[in-house]
Amino acid sequence: ILHTKRQALEMASDEIAKANQIILKQSQELLNQ
């Protein structure tokens, strides 16, 4: 059960990393604009 919850946390951390990447891309696009 703990292992499954750890996987969920890892998925959440991956999603946070993806959101950070999206924010960086958007900041670059704003600089280009």
Full PDB file with SEQRES, HELIX, SHEET, SSBOND, CRYST1, ORIGX, SCALE, CONECT and MASTER records, all heavy atoms in Angstrom:
SEQRES   1 A   33  ILE LEU HIS THR LYS ARG GLN ALA LEU GLU MET ALA SER          
SEQRES   2 A   33  ASP GLU ILE ALA LYS ALA ASN GLN ILE ILE LEU LYS GLN          
SEQRES   3 A   33  SER GLN GLU LEU LEU ASN GLN                                  
HELIX    1 AA1 LEU A    2  ASN A   32  1                                  31    
CRYST1    1.000    1.000    1.000  90.00  90.00  90.00 P 1           1          
ORIGX1      1.000000  0.000000  0.000000        0.00000                         
ORIGX2      0.000000  1.000000  0.000000        0.00000                         
ORIGX3      0.000000  0.000000  1.000000        0.00000                         
SCALE1      1.000000  0.000000  0.000000        0.00000                         
SCALE2      0.000000  1.000000  0.000000        0.00000                         
SCALE3      0.000000  0.000000  1.000000        0.00000                         
ATOM      1  N   ILE A   1       0.843  -1.212   0.000  1.00  0.00           N  
ATOM      2  CA  ILE A   1       0.000   0.000   0.000  1.00  0.00           C  
ATOM      3  C   ILE A   1       0.872   1.253   0.000  1.00  0.00           C  
ATOM      4  O   ILE A   1       0.634   2.221  -0.734  1.00  0.00           O  
ATOM      5  CB  ILE A   1      -0.933  -0.011   1.218  1.00  0.00           C  
ATOM      6  CG1 ILE A   1      -1.922  -1.170   1.089  1.00  0.00           C  
ATOM      7  CG2 ILE A   1      -1.683   1.318   1.350  1.00  0.00           C  
ATOM      8  CD1 ILE A   1      -2.627  -1.533   2.372  1.00  0.00           C  
ATOM      9  N   LEU A   2       1.973   1.176   0.820  1.00  0.00           N  
ATOM     10  CA  LEU A   2       2.890   2.327   0.856  1.00  0.00           C  
ATOM     11  C   LEU A   2       3.568   2.531  -0.484  1.00  0.00           C  
ATOM     12  O   LEU A   2       3.807   3.667  -0.928  1.00  0.00           O  
ATOM     13  CB  LEU A   2       3.937   2.114   1.957  1.00  0.00           C  
ATOM     14  CG  LEU A   2       3.441   2.221   3.403  1.00  0.00           C  
ATOM     15  CD1 LEU A   2       4.511   1.701   4.366  1.00  0.00           C  
ATOM     16  CD2 LEU A   2       3.088   3.647   3.736  1.00  0.00           C  
ATOM     17  N   HIS A   3       3.891   1.381  -1.135  1.00  0.00           N  
ATOM     18  CA  HIS A   3       4.540   1.483  -2.452  1.00  0.00           C  
ATOM     19  C   HIS A   3       3.635   2.168  -3.480  1.00  0.00           C  
ATOM     20  O   HIS A   3       4.087   3.010  -4.268  1.00  0.00           O  
ATOM     21  CB  HIS A   3       4.913   0.075  -2.913  1.00  0.00           C  
ATOM     22  CG  HIS A   3       5.661   0.085  -4.229  1.00  0.00           C  
ATOM     23  ND1 HIS A   3       6.949   0.611  -4.364  1.00  0.00           N  
ATOM     24  CD2 HIS A   3       5.281  -0.345  -5.477  1.00  0.00           C  
ATOM     25  CE1 HIS A   3       7.335   0.496  -5.615  1.00  0.00           C  
ATOM     26  NE2 HIS A   3       6.343  -0.081  -6.318  1.00  0.00           N  
ATOM     27  N   THR A   4       2.337   1.818  -3.444  1.00  0.00           N  
ATOM     28  CA  THR A   4       1.400   2.459  -4.381  1.00  0.00           C  
ATOM     29  C   THR A   4       1.289   3.964  -4.103  1.00  0.00           C  
ATOM     30  O   THR A   4       1.238   4.787  -5.023  1.00  0.00           O  
ATOM     31  CB  THR A   4       0.026   1.816  -4.253  1.00  0.00           C  
ATOM     32  OG1 THR A   4      -0.390   1.855  -2.884  1.00  0.00           O  
ATOM     33  CG2 THR A   4       0.018   0.382  -4.731  1.00  0.00           C  
ATOM     34  N   LYS A   5       1.280   4.339  -2.816  1.00  0.00           N  
ATOM     35  CA  LYS A   5       1.185   5.760  -2.489  1.00  0.00           C  
ATOM     36  C   LYS A   5       2.450   6.499  -2.873  1.00  0.00           C  
ATOM     37  O   LYS A   5       2.400   7.670  -3.295  1.00  0.00           O  
ATOM     38  CB  LYS A   5       0.903   5.928  -1.007  1.00  0.00           C  
ATOM     39  CG  LYS A   5      -0.509   5.497  -0.654  1.00  0.00           C  
ATOM     40  CD  LYS A   5      -0.829   5.757   0.777  1.00  0.00           C  
ATOM     41  CE  LYS A   5      -2.266   5.368   1.072  1.00  0.00           C  
ATOM     42  NZ  LYS A   5      -2.644   5.597   2.480  1.00  0.00           N  
ATOM     43  N   ARG A   6       3.602   5.819  -2.770  1.00  0.00           N  
ATOM     44  CA  ARG A   6       4.843   6.450  -3.222  1.00  0.00           C  
ATOM     45  C   ARG A   6       4.809   6.699  -4.720  1.00  0.00           C  
ATOM     46  O   ARG A   6       5.272   7.738  -5.209  1.00  0.00           O  
ATOM     47  CB  ARG A   6       6.028   5.543  -2.867  1.00  0.00           C  
ATOM     48  CG  ARG A   6       6.419   5.597  -1.423  1.00  0.00           C  
ATOM     49  CD  ARG A   6       7.546   4.626  -1.144  1.00  0.00           C  
ATOM     50  NE  ARG A   6       7.855   4.559   0.263  1.00  0.00           N  
ATOM     51  CZ  ARG A   6       8.714   3.698   0.791  1.00  0.00           C  
ATOM     52  NH1 ARG A   6       9.337   2.818  -0.010  1.00  0.00           N  
ATOM     53  NH2 ARG A   6       8.947   3.709   2.081  1.00  0.00           N  
ATOM     54  N   GLN A   7       4.267   5.733  -5.452  1.00  0.00           N  
ATOM     55  CA  GLN A   7       4.134   5.920  -6.906  1.00  0.00           C  
ATOM     56  C   GLN A   7       3.250   7.135  -7.214  1.00  0.00           C  
ATOM     57  O   GLN A   7       3.540   7.915  -8.117  1.00  0.00           O  
ATOM     58  CB  GLN A   7       3.531   4.674  -7.534  1.00  0.00           C  
ATOM     59  CG  GLN A   7       4.507   3.518  -7.614  1.00  0.00           C  
ATOM     60  CD  GLN A   7       3.881   2.272  -8.231  1.00  0.00           C  
ATOM     61  OE1 GLN A   7       2.689   2.267  -8.519  1.00  0.00           O  
ATOM     62  NE2 GLN A   7       4.693   1.241  -8.431  1.00  0.00           N  
ATOM     63  N   ALA A   8       2.181   7.280  -6.424  1.00  0.00           N  
ATOM     64  CA  ALA A   8       1.311   8.452  -6.640  1.00  0.00           C  
ATOM     65  C   ALA A   8       2.058   9.738  -6.375  1.00  0.00           C  
ATOM     66  O   ALA A   8       1.926  10.731  -7.114  1.00  0.00           O  
ATOM     67  CB  ALA A   8       0.086   8.351  -5.725  1.00  0.00           C  
ATOM     68  N   LEU A   9       2.906   9.743  -5.332  1.00  0.00           N  
ATOM     69  CA  LEU A   9       3.702  10.943  -5.041  1.00  0.00           C  
ATOM     70  C   LEU A   9       4.686  11.232  -6.157  1.00  0.00           C  
ATOM     71  O   LEU A   9       4.919  12.394  -6.536  1.00  0.00           O  
ATOM     72  CB  LEU A   9       4.431  10.775  -3.714  1.00  0.00           C  
ATOM     73  CG  LEU A   9       3.569  10.851  -2.450  1.00  0.00           C  
ATOM     74  CD1 LEU A   9       4.367  10.388  -1.240  1.00  0.00           C  
ATOM     75  CD2 LEU A   9       3.084  12.266  -2.243  1.00  0.00           C  
ATOM     76  N   GLU A  10       5.286  10.156  -6.683  1.00  0.00           N  
ATOM     77  CA  GLU A  10       6.229  10.354  -7.792  1.00  0.00           C  
ATOM     78  C   GLU A  10       5.514  10.913  -9.017  1.00  0.00           C  
ATOM     79  O   GLU A  10       6.043  11.790  -9.722  1.00  0.00           O  
ATOM     80  CB  GLU A  10       6.906   9.014  -8.115  1.00  0.00           C  
ATOM     81  CG  GLU A  10       7.917   8.591  -7.062  1.00  0.00           C  
ATOM     82  CD  GLU A  10       8.494   7.215  -7.354  1.00  0.00           C  
ATOM     83  OE1 GLU A  10       8.047   6.602  -8.352  1.00  0.00           O  
ATOM     84  OE2 GLU A  10       9.397   6.768  -6.614  1.00  0.00           O  
ATOM     85  N   MET A  11       4.318  10.403  -9.265  1.00  0.00           N  
ATOM     86  CA  MET A  11       3.532  10.947 -10.379  1.00  0.00           C  
ATOM     87  C   MET A  11       3.232  12.427 -10.158  1.00  0.00           C  
ATOM     88  O   MET A  11       3.304  13.248 -11.087  1.00  0.00           O  
ATOM     89  CB  MET A  11       2.230  10.167 -10.515  1.00  0.00           C  
ATOM     90  CG  MET A  11       2.398   8.732 -10.986  1.00  0.00           C  
ATOM     91  SD  MET A  11       2.962   8.612 -12.685  1.00  0.00           S  
ATOM     92  CE  MET A  11       1.469   9.080 -13.524  1.00  0.00           C  
ATOM     93  N   ALA A  12       2.905  12.793  -8.925  1.00  0.00           N  
ATOM     94  CA  ALA A  12       2.616  14.199  -8.626  1.00  0.00           C  
ATOM     95  C   ALA A  12       3.851  15.055  -8.824  1.00  0.00           C  
ATOM     96  O   ALA A  12       3.782  16.158  -9.396  1.00  0.00           O  
ATOM     97  CB  ALA A  12       2.105  14.329  -7.197  1.00  0.00           C  
ATOM     98  N   SER A  13       5.043  14.497  -8.395  1.00  0.00           N  
ATOM     99  CA  SER A  13       6.293  15.266  -8.593  1.00  0.00           C  
ATOM    100  C   SER A  13       6.601  15.401 -10.078  1.00  0.00           C  
ATOM    101  O   SER A  13       7.066  16.453 -10.535  1.00  0.00           O  
ATOM    102  CB  SER A  13       7.438  14.576  -7.855  1.00  0.00           C  
ATOM    103  OG  SER A  13       7.652  13.270  -8.395  1.00  0.00           O  
ATOM    104  N   ASP A  14       6.313  14.333 -10.866  1.00  0.00           N  
ATOM    105  CA  ASP A  14       6.523  14.432 -12.317  1.00  0.00           C  
ATOM    106  C   ASP A  14       5.627  15.502 -12.933  1.00  0.00           C  
ATOM    107  O   ASP A  14       6.054  16.272 -13.805  1.00  0.00           O  
ATOM    108  CB  ASP A  14       6.243  13.069 -12.968  1.00  0.00           C  
ATOM    109  CG  ASP A  14       7.296  12.038 -12.567  1.00  0.00           C  
ATOM    110  OD1 ASP A  14       8.452  12.443 -12.316  1.00  0.00           O  
ATOM    111  OD2 ASP A  14       6.941  10.844 -12.523  1.00  0.00           O  
ATOM    112  N   GLU A  15       4.384  15.529 -12.477  1.00  0.00           N  
ATOM    113  CA  GLU A  15       3.469  16.552 -13.002  1.00  0.00           C  
ATOM    114  C   GLU A  15       3.930  17.950 -12.643  1.00  0.00           C  
ATOM    115  O   GLU A  15       3.836  18.885 -13.453  1.00  0.00           O  
ATOM    116  CB  GLU A  15       2.055  16.304 -12.450  1.00  0.00           C  
ATOM    117  CG  GLU A  15       1.383  15.103 -13.068  1.00  0.00           C  
ATOM    118  CD  GLU A  15      -0.006  14.864 -12.499  1.00  0.00           C  
ATOM    119  OE1 GLU A  15      -0.386  15.607 -11.565  1.00  0.00           O  
ATOM    120  OE2 GLU A  15      -0.695  13.942 -12.995  1.00  0.00           O  
ATOM    121  N   ILE A  16       4.474  18.103 -11.440  1.00  0.00           N  
ATOM    122  CA  ILE A  16       5.002  19.423 -11.036  1.00  0.00           C  
ATOM    123  C   ILE A  16       6.177  19.804 -11.916  1.00  0.00           C  
ATOM    124  O   ILE A  16       6.321  20.957 -12.345  1.00  0.00           O  
ATOM    125  CB  ILE A  16       5.383  19.402  -9.559  1.00  0.00           C  
ATOM    126  CG1 ILE A  16       4.112  19.314  -8.699  1.00  0.00           C  
ATOM    127  CG2 ILE A  16       6.187  20.639  -9.176  1.00  0.00           C  
ATOM    128  CD1 ILE A  16       4.359  18.861  -7.290  1.00  0.00           C  
ATOM    129  N   ALA A  17       7.044  18.806 -12.232  1.00  0.00           N  
ATOM    130  CA  ALA A  17       8.188  19.096 -13.102  1.00  0.00           C  
ATOM    131  C   ALA A  17       7.723  19.488 -14.497  1.00  0.00           C  
ATOM    132  O   ALA A  17       8.251  20.428 -15.110  1.00  0.00           O  
ATOM    133  CB  ALA A  17       9.095  17.857 -13.171  1.00  0.00           C  
ATOM    134  N   LYS A  18       6.683  18.780 -14.986  1.00  0.00           N  
ATOM    135  CA  LYS A  18       6.129  19.143 -16.301  1.00  0.00           C  
ATOM    136  C   LYS A  18       5.554  20.558 -16.277  1.00  0.00           C  
ATOM    137  O   LYS A  18       5.725  21.321 -17.228  1.00  0.00           O  
ATOM    138  CB  LYS A  18       5.049  18.149 -16.689  1.00  0.00           C  
ATOM    139  CG  LYS A  18       5.590  16.795 -17.083  1.00  0.00           C  
ATOM    140  CD  LYS A  18       4.455  15.852 -17.427  1.00  0.00           C  
ATOM    141  CE  LYS A  18       4.968  14.460 -17.782  1.00  0.00           C  
ATOM    142  NZ  LYS A  18       3.868  13.517 -18.094  1.00  0.00           N  
ATOM    143  N   ALA A  19       4.855  20.881 -15.187  1.00  0.00           N  
ATOM    144  CA  ALA A  19       4.294  22.239 -15.083  1.00  0.00           C  
ATOM    145  C   ALA A  19       5.405  23.273 -15.063  1.00  0.00           C  
ATOM    146  O   ALA A  19       5.280  24.353 -15.675  1.00  0.00           O  
ATOM    147  CB  ALA A  19       3.445  22.332 -13.821  1.00  0.00           C  
ATOM    148  N   ASN A  20       6.537  22.948 -14.388  1.00  0.00           N  
ATOM    149  CA  ASN A  20       7.668  23.882 -14.391  1.00  0.00           C  
ATOM    150  C   ASN A  20       8.215  24.065 -15.793  1.00  0.00           C  
ATOM    151  O   ASN A  20       8.553  25.181 -16.214  1.00  0.00           O  
ATOM    152  CB  ASN A  20       8.758  23.369 -13.453  1.00  0.00           C  
ATOM    153  CG  ASN A  20       8.357  23.487 -11.996  1.00  0.00           C  
ATOM    154  OD1 ASN A  20       7.703  24.477 -11.641  1.00  0.00           O  
ATOM    155  ND2 ASN A  20       8.693  22.513 -11.175  1.00  0.00           N  
ATOM    156  N   GLN A  21       8.304  22.948 -16.539  1.00  0.00           N  
ATOM    157  CA  GLN A  21       8.787  23.052 -17.916  1.00  0.00           C  
ATOM    158  C   GLN A  21       7.852  23.906 -18.764  1.00  0.00           C  
ATOM    159  O   GLN A  21       8.300  24.738 -19.564  1.00  0.00           O  
ATOM    160  CB  GLN A  21       8.915  21.645 -18.513  1.00  0.00           C  
ATOM    161  CG  GLN A  21      10.056  20.832 -17.925  1.00  0.00           C  
ATOM    162  CD  GLN A  21      10.115  19.420 -18.479  1.00  0.00           C  
ATOM    163  OE1 GLN A  21       9.284  19.066 -19.324  1.00  0.00           O  
ATOM    164  NE2 GLN A  21      11.095  18.631 -18.022  1.00  0.00           N  
ATOM    165  N   ILE A  22       6.530  23.716 -18.583  1.00  0.00           N  
ATOM    166  CA  ILE A  22       5.557  24.520 -19.348  1.00  0.00           C  
ATOM    167  C   ILE A  22       5.707  25.994 -19.013  1.00  0.00           C  
ATOM    168  O   ILE A  22       5.679  26.866 -19.889  1.00  0.00           O  
ATOM    169  CB  ILE A  22       4.127  24.024 -19.064  1.00  0.00           C  
ATOM    170  CG1 ILE A  22       3.931  22.637 -19.691  1.00  0.00           C  
ATOM    171  CG2 ILE A  22       3.090  24.987 -19.624  1.00  0.00           C  
ATOM    172  CD1 ILE A  22       2.748  21.879 -19.126  1.00  0.00           C  
ATOM    173  N   ILE A  23       5.923  26.279 -17.708  1.00  0.00           N  
ATOM    174  CA  ILE A  23       6.072  27.686 -17.301  1.00  0.00           C  
ATOM    175  C   ILE A  23       7.335  28.282 -17.901  1.00  0.00           C  
ATOM    176  O   ILE A  23       7.345  29.433 -18.362  1.00  0.00           O  
ATOM    177  CB  ILE A  23       6.070  27.776 -15.771  1.00  0.00           C  
ATOM    178  CG1 ILE A  23       4.661  27.459 -15.239  1.00  0.00           C  
ATOM    179  CG2 ILE A  23       6.514  29.152 -15.295  1.00  0.00           C  
ATOM    180  CD1 ILE A  23       4.634  27.076 -13.801  1.00  0.00           C  
ATOM    181  N   LEU A  24       8.437  27.484 -17.942  1.00  0.00           N  
ATOM    182  CA  LEU A  24       9.669  27.992 -18.556  1.00  0.00           C  
ATOM    183  C   LEU A  24       9.482  28.273 -20.040  1.00  0.00           C  
ATOM    184  O   LEU A  24       9.920  29.303 -20.585  1.00  0.00           O  
ATOM    185  CB  LEU A  24      10.792  26.969 -18.340  1.00  0.00           C  
ATOM    186  CG  LEU A  24      11.292  26.812 -16.896  1.00  0.00           C  
ATOM    187  CD1 LEU A  24      12.193  25.598 -16.773  1.00  0.00           C  
ATOM    188  CD2 LEU A  24      12.029  28.064 -16.442  1.00  0.00           C  
ATOM    189  N   LYS A  25       8.791  27.326 -20.703  1.00  0.00           N  
ATOM    190  CA  LYS A  25       8.533  27.548 -22.129  1.00  0.00           C  
ATOM    191  C   LYS A  25       7.710  28.811 -22.341  1.00  0.00           C  
ATOM    192  O   LYS A  25       7.971  29.605 -23.237  1.00  0.00           O  
ATOM    193  CB  LYS A  25       7.781  26.337 -22.700  1.00  0.00           C  
ATOM    194  CG  LYS A  25       8.659  25.127 -22.876  1.00  0.00           C  
ATOM    195  CD  LYS A  25       7.843  23.972 -23.446  1.00  0.00           C  
ATOM    196  CE  LYS A  25       8.691  22.716 -23.586  1.00  0.00           C  
ATOM    197  NZ  LYS A  25       7.897  21.567 -24.114  1.00  0.00           N  
ATOM    198  N   GLN A  26       6.698  28.984 -21.516  1.00  0.00           N  
ATOM    199  CA  GLN A  26       5.849  30.173 -21.668  1.00  0.00           C  
ATOM    200  C   GLN A  26       6.623  31.452 -21.389  1.00  0.00           C  
ATOM    201  O   GLN A  26       6.406  32.465 -22.054  1.00  0.00           O  
ATOM    202  CB  GLN A  26       4.650  30.076 -20.722  1.00  0.00           C  
ATOM    203  CG  GLN A  26       3.633  29.045 -21.159  1.00  0.00           C  
ATOM    204  CD  GLN A  26       2.512  28.891 -20.180  1.00  0.00           C  
ATOM    205  OE1 GLN A  26       2.558  29.498 -19.117  1.00  0.00           O  
ATOM    206  NE2 GLN A  26       1.542  28.067 -20.528  1.00  0.00           N  
ATOM    207  N   SER A  27       7.569  31.394 -20.413  1.00  0.00           N  
ATOM    208  CA  SER A  27       8.390  32.587 -20.153  1.00  0.00           C  
ATOM    209  C   SER A  27       9.286  32.896 -21.345  1.00  0.00           C  
ATOM    210  O   SER A  27       9.447  34.063 -21.735  1.00  0.00           O  
ATOM    211  CB  SER A  27       9.221  32.366 -18.902  1.00  0.00           C  
ATOM    212  OG  SER A  27      10.130  31.291 -19.096  1.00  0.00           O  
ATOM    213  N   GLN A  28       9.827  31.825 -21.976  1.00  0.00           N  
ATOM    214  CA  GLN A  28      10.639  32.058 -23.180  1.00  0.00           C  
ATOM    215  C   GLN A  28       9.804  32.647 -24.307  1.00  0.00           C  
ATOM    216  O   GLN A  28      10.226  33.576 -25.012  1.00  0.00           O  
ATOM    217  CB  GLN A  28      11.268  30.730 -23.617  1.00  0.00           C  
ATOM    218  CG  GLN A  28      12.372  30.245 -22.686  1.00  0.00           C  
ATOM    219  CD  GLN A  28      12.923  28.888 -23.089  1.00  0.00           C  
ATOM    220  OE1 GLN A  28      12.457  28.312 -24.078  1.00  0.00           O  
ATOM    221  NE2 GLN A  28      13.895  28.388 -22.335  1.00  0.00           N  
ATOM    222  N   GLU A  29       8.595  32.115 -24.460  1.00  0.00           N  
ATOM    223  CA  GLU A  29       7.725  32.653 -25.509  1.00  0.00           C  
ATOM    224  C   GLU A  29       7.347  34.101 -25.226  1.00  0.00           C  
ATOM    225  O   GLU A  29       7.260  34.929 -26.144  1.00  0.00           O  
ATOM    226  CB  GLU A  29       6.458  31.801 -25.599  1.00  0.00           C  
ATOM    227  CG  GLU A  29       6.722  30.439 -26.209  1.00  0.00           C  
ATOM    228  CD  GLU A  29       5.473  29.576 -26.210  1.00  0.00           C  
ATOM    229  OE1 GLU A  29       4.473  30.037 -25.655  1.00  0.00           O  
ATOM    230  OE2 GLU A  29       5.517  28.456 -26.756  1.00  0.00           O  
ATOM    231  N   LEU A  30       7.145  34.445 -23.965  1.00  0.00           N  
ATOM    232  CA  LEU A  30       6.852  35.834 -23.620  1.00  0.00           C  
ATOM    233  C   LEU A  30       8.025  36.749 -23.935  1.00  0.00           C  
ATOM    234  O   LEU A  30       7.844  37.879 -24.412  1.00  0.00           O  
ATOM    235  CB  LEU A  30       6.471  35.949 -22.145  1.00  0.00           C  
ATOM    236  CG  LEU A  30       5.107  35.382 -21.754  1.00  0.00           C  
ATOM    237  CD1 LEU A  30       4.991  35.276 -20.248  1.00  0.00           C  
ATOM    238  CD2 LEU A  30       4.001  36.250 -22.302  1.00  0.00           C  
ATOM    239  N   LEU A  31       9.266  36.253 -23.690  1.00  0.00           N  
ATOM    240  CA  LEU A  31      10.444  37.064 -24.057  1.00  0.00           C  
ATOM    241  C   LEU A  31      10.527  37.274 -25.556  1.00  0.00           C  
ATOM    242  O   LEU A  31      10.810  38.386 -26.051  1.00  0.00           O  
ATOM    243  CB  LEU A  31      11.708  36.369 -23.542  1.00  0.00           C  
ATOM    244  CG  LEU A  31      11.889  36.329 -22.022  1.00  0.00           C  
ATOM    245  CD1 LEU A  31      13.021  35.386 -21.642  1.00  0.00           C  
ATOM    246  CD2 LEU A  31      12.160  37.717 -21.487  1.00  0.00           C  
ATOM    247  N   ASN A  32      10.240  36.186 -26.313  1.00  0.00           N  
ATOM    248  CA  ASN A  32      10.233  36.335 -27.776  1.00  0.00           C  
ATOM    249  C   ASN A  32       9.174  37.325 -28.233  1.00  0.00           C  
ATOM    250  O   ASN A  32       9.389  38.131 -29.145  1.00  0.00           O  
ATOM    251  CB  ASN A  32       9.990  34.968 -28.421  1.00  0.00           C  
ATOM    252  CG  ASN A  32      11.154  34.020 -28.200  1.00  0.00           C  
ATOM    253  OD1 ASN A  32      12.319  34.441 -28.248  1.00  0.00           O  
ATOM    254  ND2 ASN A  32      10.874  32.751 -27.953  1.00  0.00           N  
ATOM    255  N   GLN A  33       8.005  37.272 -27.591  1.00  0.00           N  
ATOM    256  CA  GLN A  33       6.927  38.210 -27.950  1.00  0.00           C  
ATOM    257  C   GLN A  33       7.310  39.638 -27.630  1.00  0.00           C  
ATOM    258  O   GLN A  33       6.949  40.565 -28.347  1.00  0.00           O  
ATOM    259  CB  GLN A  33       5.645  37.832 -27.209  1.00  0.00           C  
ATOM    260  CG  GLN A  33       4.996  36.579 -27.753  1.00  0.00           C  
ATOM    261  CD  GLN A  33       3.789  36.157 -26.953  1.00  0.00           C  
ATOM    262  OE1 GLN A  33       3.454  36.824 -25.986  1.00  0.00           O  
ATOM    263  NE2 GLN A  33       3.187  35.056 -27.355  1.00  0.00           N  
TER     264      GLN A  33                                                      
MASTER        0    0    0    1    0    0    0    6  263    1    0    3          
END                                                                             
